[in-house]
Amino acid sequence: MRERRAVLLALLGGLLLALYPGAALAQGGGTATAQLEDTEGNPVGTAEFVEGPNGVTITANLQPGQQAVEPGEHGIHFHETGSITPDFEAAGEHFNPTDASHGFNNPEGPHGGDLENIIVNEDGSASYQTTAALVTLSGGQNSLLDSDGSALVIHQSADDYETDPSGESGDRVAAGVITASATGETTTSGEMTGGLPSSGGATPSALLPAAALILGSGILAFAVLRRR
């Protein structure tokens, strides 16, 4: 009886993972990038976005010698539209799917697109990383990769984290459209390109644990049956 129960549990586990591999994965898994440019269209830096269980981690770098973003503290935000043409105003307002007020220090905030300020060095370079807990790269109303996309925008001045609509952060001096990564990019429906099946926004590398569990279930079932 115990052997039969073990076989049944192993087969059921394998079937579950085959039907829904996302059951074995951590939350999140999408990735995206943005090429940052100044108002003249010159490249000034890059940004990468990785979704994890705590939100979307942003890693942005400005190249030394760029002139668009002066040394000091600057506001940086997700904006609601994935366009920066003909100018940065095309990106719209802050990404704000919940209709909140602006600012971490605002009792009715923050916007989903509000981020901690970026610090630029004297040589124009910057290395920036933060995690945005209110956005995703997968489906749902908080997705940065929704039907009209989104943009990452750096402003002329520091964000005061309180004043509507953008923390008195001034003009938009650098920006980039956020696009899903070419490998394992996700869509608003949760499907993945490149012929891979949907797994709730997981990347191909994230599917490996599920595949290993399916294989392990099969091996366990075969071993138990042979002992009988």
Protein backbone atom coordinates (compact mmCIF):
# COMPACT_ATOMS: atom_id res chain seq x y z
CA MET A 1 0.00 0.00 0.00
CA ARG A 2 2.80 2.44 0.89
CA GLU A 3 4.54 1.72 -2.40
CA ARG A 4 1.36 2.36 -4.36
CA ARG A 5 0.82 5.62 -2.46
CA ALA A 6 4.37 6.77 -3.22
CA VAL A 7 3.93 6.00 -6.89
CA LEU A 8 0.62 7.86 -6.99
CA LEU A 9 2.06 10.95 -5.25
CA ALA A 10 5.07 11.02 -7.57
CA LEU A 11 2.93 10.77 -10.67
CA LEU A 12 0.50 13.42 -9.43
CA GLY A 13 3.40 15.78 -8.67
CA GLY A 14 4.85 15.29 -12.12
CA LEU A 15 1.46 15.87 -13.73
CA LEU A 16 0.93 19.10 -11.77
CA LEU A 17 4.29 20.48 -12.81
CA ALA A 18 3.76 19.47 -16.41
CA LEU A 19 0.43 21.30 -16.51
CA TYR A 20 1.58 24.33 -14.53
CA PRO A 21 5.35 24.70 -14.17
CA GLY A 22 4.85 28.10 -12.49
CA ALA A 23 3.74 26.21 -9.36
CA ALA A 24 7.39 25.40 -8.66
CA LEU A 25 8.73 28.88 -9.34
CA ALA A 26 9.21 31.95 -7.20
CA GLN A 27 7.05 34.93 -8.00
CA GLY A 28 8.17 37.21 -10.79
CA GLY A 29 10.86 36.55 -13.36
CA GLY A 30 10.45 39.11 -16.17
CA THR A 31 13.34 41.21 -17.50
CA ALA A 32 13.52 44.43 -19.51
CA THR A 33 15.97 47.11 -20.64
CA ALA A 34 16.05 50.79 -21.57
CA GLN A 35 18.58 52.81 -23.57
CA LEU A 36 18.80 56.24 -21.96
CA GLU A 37 19.31 59.30 -24.14
CA ASP A 38 19.36 63.07 -23.79
CA THR A 39 16.93 65.52 -25.40
CA GLU A 40 19.05 65.51 -28.58
CA GLY A 41 18.89 61.74 -28.91
CA ASN A 42 22.47 61.12 -27.79
CA PRO A 43 23.06 57.97 -25.69
CA VAL A 44 23.87 58.75 -22.05
CA GLY A 45 23.39 55.41 -20.29
CA THR A 46 21.46 52.18 -19.87
CA ALA A 47 19.01 50.60 -17.46
CA GLU A 48 18.06 47.00 -16.72
CA PHE A 49 14.96 45.75 -14.95
CA VAL A 50 14.51 42.38 -13.26
CA GLU A 51 11.32 41.24 -11.57
CA GLY A 52 11.64 39.26 -8.35
CA PRO A 53 9.50 38.36 -5.34
CA ASN A 54 9.88 41.87 -3.85
CA GLY A 55 9.19 43.88 -7.00
CA VAL A 56 11.22 45.13 -9.95
CA THR A 57 14.91 45.89 -9.35
CA ILE A 58 16.25 48.73 -11.47
CA THR A 59 19.96 48.98 -12.25
CA ALA A 60 20.83 52.16 -14.14
CA ASN A 61 24.21 53.50 -15.23
CA LEU A 62 25.12 56.87 -16.73
CA GLN A 63 28.33 57.04 -18.73
CA PRO A 64 31.16 59.36 -17.68
CA GLY A 65 31.33 62.60 -19.63
CA GLN A 66 27.66 62.82 -20.50
CA GLN A 67 26.37 66.39 -20.26
CA ALA A 68 22.60 65.92 -19.98
CA VAL A 69 22.38 65.09 -16.29
CA GLU A 70 24.49 67.37 -14.14
CA PRO A 71 26.31 66.22 -10.99
CA GLY A 72 24.08 66.01 -7.94
CA GLU A 73 20.74 64.54 -6.95
CA HIS A 74 17.97 64.02 -9.48
CA GLY A 75 14.43 62.71 -9.55
CA ILE A 76 13.93 59.52 -11.51
CA HIS A 77 10.55 57.95 -12.25
CA PHE A 78 8.62 55.47 -14.34
CA HIS A 79 6.32 57.33 -16.74
CA GLU A 80 3.06 56.00 -18.10
CA THR A 81 3.76 55.74 -21.84
CA GLY A 82 6.52 53.95 -23.72
CA SER A 83 7.41 56.86 -26.00
CA ILE A 84 9.95 59.69 -25.89
CA THR A 85 9.29 61.03 -29.43
CA PRO A 86 9.05 63.81 -30.54
CA ASP A 87 10.22 64.82 -27.06
CA PHE A 88 10.19 63.45 -23.51
CA GLU A 89 6.70 64.84 -22.87
CA ALA A 90 5.43 61.92 -24.98
CA ALA A 91 6.10 59.68 -21.98
CA GLY A 92 3.11 61.22 -20.20
CA GLU A 93 2.80 61.55 -16.45
CA HIS A 94 4.13 59.26 -13.75
CA PHE A 95 3.09 55.62 -13.96
CA ASN A 96 0.18 55.65 -11.51
CA PRO A 97 -2.30 52.80 -12.05
CA THR A 98 -3.82 53.17 -8.56
CA ASP A 99 -4.47 56.93 -8.90
CA ALA A 100 -2.37 57.72 -5.81
CA SER A 101 -0.69 61.01 -4.95
CA HIS A 102 3.00 61.63 -5.57
CA GLY A 103 5.74 60.97 -3.06
CA PHE A 104 6.99 58.52 -0.47
CA ASN A 105 6.39 61.15 2.22
CA ASN A 106 2.85 61.87 1.06
CA PRO A 107 0.23 60.06 3.21
CA GLU A 108 -1.80 59.46 0.03
CA GLY A 109 1.20 58.29 -2.01
CA PRO A 110 3.30 57.13 -3.63
CA HIS A 111 2.77 56.70 -7.35
CA GLY A 112 3.67 53.29 -8.69
CA GLY A 113 6.33 55.07 -10.74
CA ASP A 114 7.98 56.93 -7.86
CA LEU A 115 11.62 55.95 -7.27
CA GLU A 116 14.44 57.03 -4.97
CA ASN A 117 16.60 59.84 -6.36
CA ILE A 118 19.66 59.10 -8.44
CA ILE A 119 23.04 60.65 -7.51
CA VAL A 120 25.31 61.73 -10.38
CA ASN A 121 29.07 62.02 -9.86
CA GLU A 122 31.24 64.98 -10.88
CA ASP A 123 32.38 63.20 -14.04
CA GLY A 124 28.76 62.62 -15.14
CA SER A 125 28.73 58.94 -14.26
CA ALA A 126 26.20 57.26 -12.00
CA SER A 127 25.55 53.76 -10.71
CA TYR A 128 22.02 53.39 -9.41
CA GLN A 129 20.03 50.48 -8.05
CA THR A 130 16.71 50.31 -6.27
CA THR A 131 13.69 48.01 -6.08
CA ALA A 132 10.20 49.23 -6.97
CA ALA A 133 7.66 47.20 -5.00
CA LEU A 134 4.55 48.61 -6.70
CA VAL A 135 5.22 47.55 -10.31
CA THR A 136 5.69 44.34 -12.26
CA LEU A 137 7.04 43.22 -15.62
CA SER A 138 4.37 40.55 -15.96
CA GLY A 139 0.60 40.92 -16.24
CA GLY A 140 -1.86 43.03 -14.30
CA GLN A 141 -2.62 46.73 -14.01
CA ASN A 142 0.78 47.43 -12.42
CA SER A 143 2.79 46.07 -15.35
CA LEU A 144 5.35 48.40 -16.91
CA LEU A 145 4.97 46.33 -20.09
CA ASP A 146 1.27 47.01 -20.58
CA SER A 147 -0.34 47.81 -23.93
CA ASP A 148 1.17 51.32 -24.21
CA GLY A 149 4.43 50.54 -22.42
CA SER A 150 6.32 52.86 -20.09
CA ALA A 151 9.49 54.92 -19.89
CA LEU A 152 12.23 55.68 -17.37
CA VAL A 153 12.80 59.43 -17.00
CA ILE A 154 15.50 61.39 -15.15
CA HIS A 155 14.71 64.96 -14.14
CA GLN A 156 16.77 68.12 -13.75
CA SER A 157 16.34 68.48 -9.98
CA ALA A 158 15.89 66.30 -6.91
CA ASP A 159 12.48 64.85 -6.08
CA ASP A 160 11.21 66.16 -2.73
CA TYR A 161 9.14 62.95 -2.34
CA GLU A 162 5.97 64.87 -1.53
CA THR A 163 4.77 67.55 -3.96
CA ASP A 164 2.31 66.66 -6.73
CA PRO A 165 2.69 65.85 -9.51
CA SER A 166 6.45 65.12 -9.66
CA GLY A 167 8.14 66.28 -6.47
CA GLU A 168 9.32 69.62 -7.93
CA SER A 169 11.94 67.66 -9.88
CA GLY A 170 11.90 69.96 -12.90
CA ASP A 171 12.46 69.32 -16.59
CA ARG A 172 13.04 65.90 -18.13
CA VAL A 173 16.71 65.69 -19.10
CA ALA A 174 17.22 61.98 -19.93
CA ALA A 175 14.87 59.14 -20.73
CA GLY A 176 14.50 55.73 -22.29
CA VAL A 177 11.65 53.47 -23.39
CA ILE A 178 11.35 50.28 -21.33
CA THR A 179 11.23 47.19 -23.54
CA ALA A 180 11.03 43.50 -22.69
CA SER A 181 14.30 41.64 -23.05
CA ALA A 182 14.71 39.82 -26.37
CA THR A 183 15.17 36.44 -24.64
CA GLY A 184 12.15 35.30 -22.67
CA GLU A 185 10.30 38.57 -23.02
CA THR A 186 6.82 38.62 -21.58
CA THR A 187 3.62 40.09 -22.94
CA THR A 188 0.58 41.46 -21.16
CA SER A 189 -1.11 38.08 -21.59
CA GLY A 190 1.73 36.33 -19.78
CA GLU A 191 2.81 34.45 -22.94
CA MET A 192 6.48 34.22 -23.83
CA THR A 193 7.99 34.72 -27.23
CA GLY A 194 10.42 32.43 -28.99
CA GLY A 195 8.09 29.43 -29.01
CA LEU A 196 8.17 28.96 -25.24
CA PRO A 197 4.95 28.30 -23.33
CA SER A 198 3.49 30.63 -20.76
CA SER A 199 4.62 30.24 -17.15
CA GLY A 200 3.24 33.34 -15.45
CA GLY A 201 6.00 35.63 -16.73
CA ALA A 202 8.92 33.36 -15.84
CA THR A 203 12.10 33.45 -17.92
CA PRO A 204 13.39 30.31 -19.68
CA SER A 205 16.12 29.80 -17.07
CA ALA A 206 13.47 29.83 -14.35
CA LEU A 207 11.77 26.84 -15.99
CA LEU A 208 14.75 24.58 -15.27
CA PRO A 209 13.76 23.77 -11.65
CA ALA A 210 10.31 22.67 -12.79
CA ALA A 211 11.79 20.49 -15.52
CA ALA A 212 14.13 18.89 -12.99
CA LEU A 213 11.24 18.13 -10.64
CA ILE A 214 9.22 16.53 -13.42
CA LEU A 215 12.18 14.33 -14.34
CA GLY A 216 12.78 13.45 -10.69
CA SER A 217 9.14 12.43 -10.22
CA GLY A 218 9.39 10.09 -13.18
CA ILE A 219 12.61 8.52 -11.93
CA LEU A 220 11.13 8.00 -8.44
CA ALA A 221 8.04 6.34 -9.83
CA PHE A 222 10.13 4.04 -12.03
CA ALA A 223 12.39 3.04 -9.12
CA VAL A 224 9.48 2.18 -6.84
CA LEU A 225 7.76 0.12 -9.51
CA ARG A 226 10.96 -1.84 -10.19
CA ARG A 227 11.30 -2.72 -6.49
CA ARG A 228 7.88 -4.29 -6.65
